[in-house]
């Protein structure tokens, strides 16, 4: 059985059809259907959501959004 995710979780999604792994965020949890849960995920570089099965996702450590673009000279 696949792992359960919550809205806001950072996940890695591997799309086997095009061979790409995306870092996404869970935006909606769908009801389980035939014991398989689906999730709506979104990559921040895309304008749309994907509906994927839970067994195609892997939980990853969240990246703090404010820490990505900070320069070394910022005093915070």
PDB file of N, CA and C in Angstrom:
ATOM      1  N   UNK A   1       0.843  -1.189   0.000  1.00  0.00           N
ATOM      2  CA  UNK A   1       0.000   0.000   0.000  1.00  0.00           C
ATOM      3  C   UNK A   1       0.882   1.244   0.000  1.00  0.00           C
ATOM      4  N   UNK A   2       0.455   2.281  -0.705  1.00  0.00           N
ATOM      5  CA  UNK A   2       1.268   3.478  -0.834  1.00  0.00           C
ATOM      6  C   UNK A   2       1.131   4.375   0.398  1.00  0.00           C
ATOM      7  N   UNK A   3       2.053   5.277   0.522  1.00  0.00           N
ATOM      8  CA  UNK A   3       2.101   6.208   1.645  1.00  0.00           C
ATOM      9  C   UNK A   3       1.011   7.274   1.472  1.00  0.00           C
ATOM     10  N   UNK A   4       0.444   7.742   2.585  1.00  0.00           N
ATOM     11  CA  UNK A   4      -0.554   8.807   2.518  1.00  0.00           C
ATOM     12  C   UNK A   4       0.138  10.159   2.616  1.00  0.00           C
ATOM     13  N   UNK A   5      -0.308  11.093   1.799  1.00  0.00           N
ATOM     14  CA  UNK A   5       0.235  12.444   1.777  1.00  0.00           C
ATOM     15  C   UNK A   5      -0.861  13.417   2.165  1.00  0.00           C
ATOM     16  N   UNK A   6      -0.461  14.601   2.604  1.00  0.00           N
ATOM     17  CA  UNK A   6      -1.401  15.652   2.988  1.00  0.00           C
ATOM     18  C   UNK A   6      -1.200  16.855   2.086  1.00  0.00           C
ATOM     19  N   UNK A   7      -2.203  17.731   2.044  1.00  0.00           N
ATOM     20  CA  UNK A   7      -2.086  18.967   1.288  1.00  0.00           C
ATOM     21  C   UNK A   7      -0.901  19.758   1.823  1.00  0.00           C
ATOM     22  N   UNK A   8      -0.048  20.236   0.923  1.00  0.00           N
ATOM     23  CA  UNK A   8       1.122  21.008   1.301  1.00  0.00           C
ATOM     24  C   UNK A   8       2.405  20.202   1.360  1.00  0.00           C
ATOM     25  N   UNK A   9       2.321  18.863   1.325  1.00  0.00           N
ATOM     26  CA  UNK A   9       3.528  18.034   1.366  1.00  0.00           C
ATOM     27  C   UNK A   9       4.355  18.214   0.096  1.00  0.00           C
ATOM     28  N   UNK A  10       5.667  18.257   0.258  1.00  0.00           N
ATOM     29  CA  UNK A  10       6.585  18.296  -0.875  1.00  0.00           C
ATOM     30  C   UNK A  10       6.839  16.861  -1.320  1.00  0.00           C
ATOM     31  N   UNK A  11       6.687  16.609  -2.622  1.00  0.00           N
ATOM     32  CA  UNK A  11       6.830  15.261  -3.156  1.00  0.00           C
ATOM     33  C   UNK A  11       7.638  15.293  -4.443  1.00  0.00           C
ATOM     34  N   UNK A  12       8.254  14.159  -4.746  1.00  0.00           N
ATOM     35  CA  UNK A  12       8.912  13.970  -6.036  1.00  0.00           C
ATOM     36  C   UNK A  12       8.012  13.069  -6.859  1.00  0.00           C
ATOM     37  N   UNK A  13       7.771  13.451  -8.102  1.00  0.00           N
ATOM     38  CA  UNK A  13       6.933  12.675  -9.007  1.00  0.00           C
ATOM     39  C   UNK A  13       7.764  12.279 -10.215  1.00  0.00           C
ATOM     40  N   UNK A  14       7.839  10.987 -10.476  1.00  0.00           N
ATOM     41  CA  UNK A  14       8.585  10.513 -11.645  1.00  0.00           C
ATOM     42  C   UNK A  14       7.594  10.154 -12.736  1.00  0.00           C
ATOM     43  N   UNK A  15       7.674  10.874 -13.850  1.00  0.00           N
ATOM     44  CA  UNK A  15       6.823  10.609 -15.007  1.00  0.00           C
ATOM     45  C   UNK A  15       7.573   9.676 -15.950  1.00  0.00           C
ATOM     46  N   UNK A  16       7.208   8.414 -15.930  1.00  0.00           N
ATOM     47  CA  UNK A  16       7.883   7.410 -16.738  1.00  0.00           C
ATOM     48  C   UNK A  16       7.679   7.574 -18.229  1.00  0.00           C
ATOM     49  N   UNK A  17       6.589   8.240 -18.634  1.00  0.00           N
ATOM     50  CA  UNK A  17       6.334   8.393 -20.068  1.00  0.00           C
ATOM     51  C   UNK A  17       7.316   9.332 -20.743  1.00  0.00           C
ATOM     52  N   UNK A  18       7.763  10.368 -20.018  1.00  0.00           N
ATOM     53  CA  UNK A  18       8.735  11.293 -20.610  1.00  0.00           C
ATOM     54  C   UNK A  18      10.083  11.239 -19.892  1.00  0.00           C
ATOM     55  N   UNK A  19      10.181  10.410 -18.854  1.00  0.00           N
ATOM     56  CA  UNK A  19      11.450  10.206 -18.155  1.00  0.00           C
ATOM     57  C   UNK A  19      11.930  11.387 -17.342  1.00  0.00           C
ATOM     58  N   UNK A  20      11.012  12.113 -16.723  1.00  0.00           N
ATOM     59  CA  UNK A  20      11.362  13.304 -15.956  1.00  0.00           C
ATOM     60  C   UNK A  20      10.874  13.141 -14.519  1.00  0.00           C
ATOM     61  N   UNK A  21      11.677  13.618 -13.561  1.00  0.00           N
ATOM     62  CA  UNK A  21      11.251  13.667 -12.166  1.00  0.00           C
ATOM     63  C   UNK A  21      11.019  15.120 -11.789  1.00  0.00           C
ATOM     64  N   UNK A  22       9.835  15.410 -11.271  1.00  0.00           N
ATOM     65  CA  UNK A  22       9.471  16.767 -10.891  1.00  0.00           C
ATOM     66  C   UNK A  22       9.359  16.882  -9.380  1.00  0.00           C
ATOM     67  N   UNK A  23       9.716  18.038  -8.848  1.00  0.00           N
ATOM     68  CA  UNK A  23       9.497  18.351  -7.444  1.00  0.00           C
ATOM     69  C   UNK A  23       8.205  19.140  -7.369  1.00  0.00           C
ATOM     70  N   UNK A  24       7.229  18.594  -6.663  1.00  0.00           N
ATOM     71  CA  UNK A  24       5.880  19.167  -6.656  1.00  0.00           C
ATOM     72  C   UNK A  24       5.368  19.328  -5.233  1.00  0.00           C
ATOM     73  N   UNK A  25       4.189  19.930  -5.150  1.00  0.00           N
ATOM     74  CA  UNK A  25       3.496  20.080  -3.877  1.00  0.00           C
ATOM     75  C   UNK A  25       2.087  19.504  -4.034  1.00  0.00           C
ATOM     76  N   UNK A  26       1.631  18.784  -3.020  1.00  0.00           N
ATOM     77  CA  UNK A  26       0.281  18.230  -3.040  1.00  0.00           C
ATOM     78  C   UNK A  26      -0.706  19.372  -2.805  1.00  0.00           C
ATOM     79  N   UNK A  27      -1.677  19.531  -3.713  1.00  0.00           N
ATOM     80  CA  UNK A  27      -2.657  20.603  -3.571  1.00  0.00           C
ATOM     81  C   UNK A  27      -4.059  20.081  -3.275  1.00  0.00           C
ATOM     82  N   UNK A  28      -4.316  18.784  -3.536  1.00  0.00           N
ATOM     83  CA  UNK A  28      -5.627  18.216  -3.241  1.00  0.00           C
ATOM     84  C   UNK A  28      -5.506  16.707  -3.087  1.00  0.00           C
ATOM     85  N   UNK A  29      -6.190  16.162  -2.084  1.00  0.00           N
ATOM     86  CA  UNK A  29      -6.225  14.714  -1.854  1.00  0.00           C
ATOM     87  C   UNK A  29      -7.578  14.215  -2.343  1.00  0.00           C
ATOM     88  N   UNK A  30      -7.548  13.258  -3.249  1.00  0.00           N
ATOM     89  CA  UNK A  30      -8.778  12.706  -3.816  1.00  0.00           C
ATOM     90  C   UNK A  30      -9.211  11.468  -3.032  1.00  0.00           C
ATOM     91  N   UNK A  31     -10.491  11.117  -3.079  1.00  0.00           N
ATOM     92  CA  UNK A  31     -10.954   9.897  -2.400  1.00  0.00           C
ATOM     93  C   UNK A  31     -10.296   8.652  -2.993  1.00  0.00           C
ATOM     94  N   UNK A  32     -10.104   7.646  -2.154  1.00  0.00           N
ATOM     95  CA  UNK A  32      -9.518   6.391  -2.624  1.00  0.00           C
ATOM     96  C   UNK A  32     -10.512   5.673  -3.527  1.00  0.00           C
ATOM     97  N   UNK A  33      -9.988   5.137  -4.612  1.00  0.00           N
ATOM     98  CA  UNK A  33     -10.812   4.407  -5.562  1.00  0.00           C
ATOM     99  C   UNK A  33     -10.159   3.061  -5.818  1.00  0.00           C
ATOM    100  N   UNK A  34     -10.833   1.967  -5.469  1.00  0.00           N
ATOM    101  CA  UNK A  34     -10.268   0.615  -5.576  1.00  0.00           C
ATOM    102  C   UNK A  34      -8.965   0.516  -4.786  1.00  0.00           C
ATOM    103  N   UNK A  35      -8.976   1.073  -3.602  1.00  0.00           N
ATOM    104  CA  UNK A  35      -7.864   1.084  -2.646  1.00  0.00           C
ATOM    105  C   UNK A  35      -6.624   1.820  -3.151  1.00  0.00           C
ATOM    106  N   UNK A  36      -6.779   2.658  -4.160  1.00  0.00           N
ATOM    107  CA  UNK A  36      -5.668   3.485  -4.650  1.00  0.00           C
ATOM    108  C   UNK A  36      -6.069   4.941  -4.498  1.00  0.00           C
ATOM    109  N   UNK A  37      -5.254   5.713  -3.780  1.00  0.00           N
ATOM    110  CA  UNK A  37      -5.553   7.131  -3.582  1.00  0.00           C
ATOM    111  C   UNK A  37      -4.843   7.955  -4.655  1.00  0.00           C
ATOM    112  N   UNK A  38      -5.549   8.953  -5.153  1.00  0.00           N
ATOM    113  CA  UNK A  38      -4.980   9.871  -6.140  1.00  0.00           C
ATOM    114  C   UNK A  38      -4.786  11.240  -5.506  1.00  0.00           C
ATOM    115  N   UNK A  39      -3.865  11.996  -6.070  1.00  0.00           N
ATOM    116  CA  UNK A  39      -3.537  13.322  -5.556  1.00  0.00           C
ATOM    117  C   UNK A  39      -3.432  14.301  -6.712  1.00  0.00           C
ATOM    118  N   UNK A  40      -3.821  15.549  -6.459  1.00  0.00           N
ATOM    119  CA  UNK A  40      -3.542  16.619  -7.403  1.00  0.00           C
ATOM    120  C   UNK A  40      -2.238  17.246  -6.920  1.00  0.00           C
ATOM    121  N   UNK A  41      -1.266  17.316  -7.806  1.00  0.00           N
ATOM    122  CA  UNK A  41       0.032  17.904  -7.467  1.00  0.00           C
ATOM    123  C   UNK A  41       0.316  19.037  -8.441  1.00  0.00           C
ATOM    124  N   UNK A  42       1.210  19.924  -8.018  1.00  0.00           N
ATOM    125  CA  UNK A  42       1.562  21.052  -8.878  1.00  0.00           C
ATOM    126  C   UNK A  42       3.032  21.360  -8.726  1.00  0.00           C
ATOM    127  N   UNK A  43       3.688  21.468  -9.883  1.00  0.00           N
ATOM    128  CA  UNK A  43       5.067  21.936  -9.932  1.00  0.00           C
ATOM    129  C   UNK A  43       4.990  23.457 -10.071  1.00  0.00           C
ATOM    130  N   UNK A  44       5.770  24.189  -9.298  1.00  0.00           N
ATOM    131  CA  UNK A  44       5.666  25.645  -9.304  1.00  0.00           C
ATOM    132  C   UNK A  44       6.023  26.273 -10.645  1.00  0.00           C
ATOM    133  N   UNK A  45       6.732  25.547 -11.509  1.00  0.00           N
ATOM    134  CA  UNK A  45       7.100  26.089 -12.814  1.00  0.00           C
ATOM    135  C   UNK A  45       6.002  25.880 -13.856  1.00  0.00           C
ATOM    136  N   UNK A  46       4.925  25.195 -13.482  1.00  0.00           N
ATOM    137  CA  UNK A  46       3.834  24.918 -14.417  1.00  0.00           C
ATOM    138  C   UNK A  46       2.562  25.619 -13.969  1.00  0.00           C
ATOM    139  N   UNK A  47       1.671  25.874 -14.906  1.00  0.00           N
ATOM    140  CA  UNK A  47       0.427  26.576 -14.604  1.00  0.00           C
ATOM    141  C   UNK A  47      -0.733  25.637 -14.326  1.00  0.00           C
ATOM    142  N   UNK A  48      -0.516  24.333 -14.396  1.00  0.00           N
ATOM    143  CA  UNK A  48      -1.611  23.386 -14.249  1.00  0.00           C
ATOM    144  C   UNK A  48      -1.292  22.361 -13.174  1.00  0.00           C
ATOM    145  N   UNK A  49      -2.320  21.634 -12.761  1.00  0.00           N
ATOM    146  CA  UNK A  49      -2.169  20.550 -11.784  1.00  0.00           C
ATOM    147  C   UNK A  49      -2.197  19.223 -12.516  1.00  0.00           C
ATOM    148  N   UNK A  50      -1.546  18.230 -11.926  1.00  0.00           N
ATOM    149  CA  UNK A  50      -1.588  16.868 -12.444  1.00  0.00           C
ATOM    150  C   UNK A  50      -2.343  16.011 -11.452  1.00  0.00           C
ATOM    151  N   UNK A  51      -3.111  15.052 -11.938  1.00  0.00           N
ATOM    152  CA  UNK A  51      -3.772  14.075 -11.084  1.00  0.00           C
ATOM    153  C   UNK A  51      -2.981  12.776 -11.227  1.00  0.00           C
ATOM    154  N   UNK A  52      -2.349  12.341 -10.124  1.00  0.00           N
ATOM    155  CA  UNK A  52      -1.467  11.176 -10.172  1.00  0.00           C
ATOM    156  C   UNK A  52      -1.815  10.201  -9.054  1.00  0.00           C
ATOM    157  N   UNK A  53      -1.439   8.958  -9.251  1.00  0.00           N
ATOM    158  CA  UNK A  53      -1.640   7.933  -8.226  1.00  0.00           C
ATOM    159  C   UNK A  53      -0.590   8.092  -7.136  1.00  0.00           C
ATOM    160  N   UNK A  54      -0.970   7.733  -5.918  1.00  0.00           N
ATOM    161  CA  UNK A  54      -0.076   7.883  -4.777  1.00  0.00           C
ATOM    162  C   UNK A  54       1.185   7.046  -4.872  1.00  0.00           C
ATOM    163  N   UNK A  55       1.134   5.917  -5.580  1.00  0.00           N
ATOM    164  CA  UNK A  55       2.321   5.066  -5.665  1.00  0.00           C
ATOM    165  C   UNK A  55       3.382   5.613  -6.612  1.00  0.00           C
ATOM    166  N   UNK A  56       3.112   6.730  -7.285  1.00  0.00           N
ATOM    167  CA  UNK A  56       4.111   7.361  -8.147  1.00  0.00           C
ATOM    168  C   UNK A  56       4.812   8.520  -7.446  1.00  0.00           C
ATOM    169  N   UNK A  57       4.461   8.762  -6.175  1.00  0.00           N
ATOM    170  CA  UNK A  57       5.029   9.885  -5.426  1.00  0.00           C
ATOM    171  C   UNK A  57       5.970   9.411  -4.331  1.00  0.00           C
ATOM    172  N   UNK A  58       6.964  10.242  -4.035  1.00  0.00           N
ATOM    173  CA  UNK A  58       7.903  10.004  -2.946  1.00  0.00           C
ATOM    174  C   UNK A  58       8.001  11.280  -2.126  1.00  0.00           C
ATOM    175  N   UNK A  59       7.854  11.153  -0.805  1.00  0.00           N
ATOM    176  CA  UNK A  59       7.954  12.329   0.073  1.00  0.00           C
ATOM    177  C   UNK A  59       9.402  12.827   0.099  1.00  0.00           C
ATOM    178  N   UNK A  60       9.575  14.141   0.019  1.00  0.00           N
ATOM    179  CA  UNK A  60      10.899  14.749   0.105  1.00  0.00           C
ATOM    180  C   UNK A  60      10.863  15.845   1.159  1.00  0.00           C
ATOM    181  N   UNK A  61      12.043  16.282   1.572  1.00  0.00           N
ATOM    182  CA  UNK A  61      12.131  17.359   2.559  1.00  0.00           C
ATOM    183  C   UNK A  61      11.707  18.669   1.896  1.00  0.00           C
ATOM    184  N   UNK A  62      10.869  19.453   2.565  1.00  0.00           N
ATOM    185  CA  UNK A  62      10.438  20.726   1.978  1.00  0.00           C
ATOM    186  C   UNK A  62      11.598  21.710   1.878  1.00  0.00           C
ATOM    187  N   UNK A  63      11.567  22.513   0.825  1.00  0.00           N
ATOM    188  CA  UNK A  63      12.580  23.547   0.616  1.00  0.00           C
ATOM    189  C   UNK A  63      11.975  24.866   1.058  1.00  0.00           C
ATOM    190  N   UNK A  64      12.608  25.566   2.013  1.00  0.00           N
ATOM    191  CA  UNK A  64      12.039  26.842   2.456  1.00  0.00           C
ATOM    192  C   UNK A  64      12.069  27.862   1.325  1.00  0.00           C
ATOM    193  N   UNK A  65      10.911  28.388   0.969  1.00  0.00           N
ATOM    194  CA  UNK A  65      10.790  29.295  -0.173  1.00  0.00           C
ATOM    195  C   UNK A  65      11.585  30.581   0.037  1.00  0.00           C
ATOM    196  N   UNK A  66      11.649  31.076   1.270  1.00  0.00           N
ATOM    197  CA  UNK A  66      12.361  32.329   1.506  1.00  0.00           C
ATOM    198  C   UNK A  66      13.873  32.152   1.472  1.00  0.00           C
ATOM    199  N   UNK A  67      14.367  30.940   1.601  1.00  0.00           N
ATOM    200  CA  UNK A  67      15.812  30.700   1.610  1.00  0.00           C
ATOM    201  C   UNK A  67      16.410  30.494   0.243  1.00  0.00           C
ATOM    202  N   UNK A  68      15.592  30.333  -0.773  1.00  0.00           N
ATOM    203  CA  UNK A  68      16.116  30.022  -2.095  1.00  0.00           C
ATOM    204  C   UNK A  68      16.826  31.213  -2.724  1.00  0.00           C
ATOM    205  N   UNK A  69      16.222  32.397  -2.639  1.00  0.00           N
ATOM    206  CA  UNK A  69      16.736  33.553  -3.361  1.00  0.00           C
ATOM    207  C   UNK A  69      17.474  34.552  -2.474  1.00  0.00           C
ATOM    208  N   UNK A  70      17.772  34.185  -1.243  1.00  0.00           N
ATOM    209  CA  UNK A  70      18.501  35.093  -0.365  1.00  0.00           C
ATOM    210  C   UNK A  70      19.960  35.169  -0.787  1.00  0.00           C
ATOM    211  N   UNK A  71      20.475  36.380  -0.854  1.00  0.00           N
ATOM    212  CA  UNK A  71      21.895  36.530  -1.118  1.00  0.00           C
ATOM    213  C   UNK A  71      22.656  36.505   0.205  1.00  0.00           C
ATOM    214  N   UNK A  72      23.943  36.307   0.138  1.00  0.00           N
ATOM    215  CA  UNK A  72      24.740  36.202   1.356  1.00  0.00           C
ATOM    216  C   UNK A  72      24.757  37.495   2.153  1.00  0.00           C
ATOM    217  N   UNK A  73      24.503  38.622   1.501  1.00  0.00           N
ATOM    218  CA  UNK A  73      24.550  39.908   2.168  1.00  0.00           C
ATOM    219  C   UNK A  73      23.276  40.294   2.884  1.00  0.00           C
ATOM    220  N   UNK A  74      22.196  39.508   2.700  1.00  0.00           N
ATOM    221  CA  UNK A  74      20.935  39.829   3.368  1.00  0.00           C
ATOM    222  C   UNK A  74      21.055  39.616   4.864  1.00  0.00           C
ATOM    223  N   UNK A  75      20.610  40.591   5.640  1.00  0.00           N
ATOM    224  CA  UNK A  75      20.638  40.472   7.095  1.00  0.00           C
ATOM    225  C   UNK A  75      19.260  40.105   7.587  1.00  0.00           C
ATOM    226  N   UNK A  76      19.043  38.824   7.904  1.00  0.00           N
ATOM    227  CA  UNK A  76      17.744  38.396   8.431  1.00  0.00           C
ATOM    228  C   UNK A  76      17.931  37.382   9.516  1.00  0.00           C
TER     229      UNK A  76
END
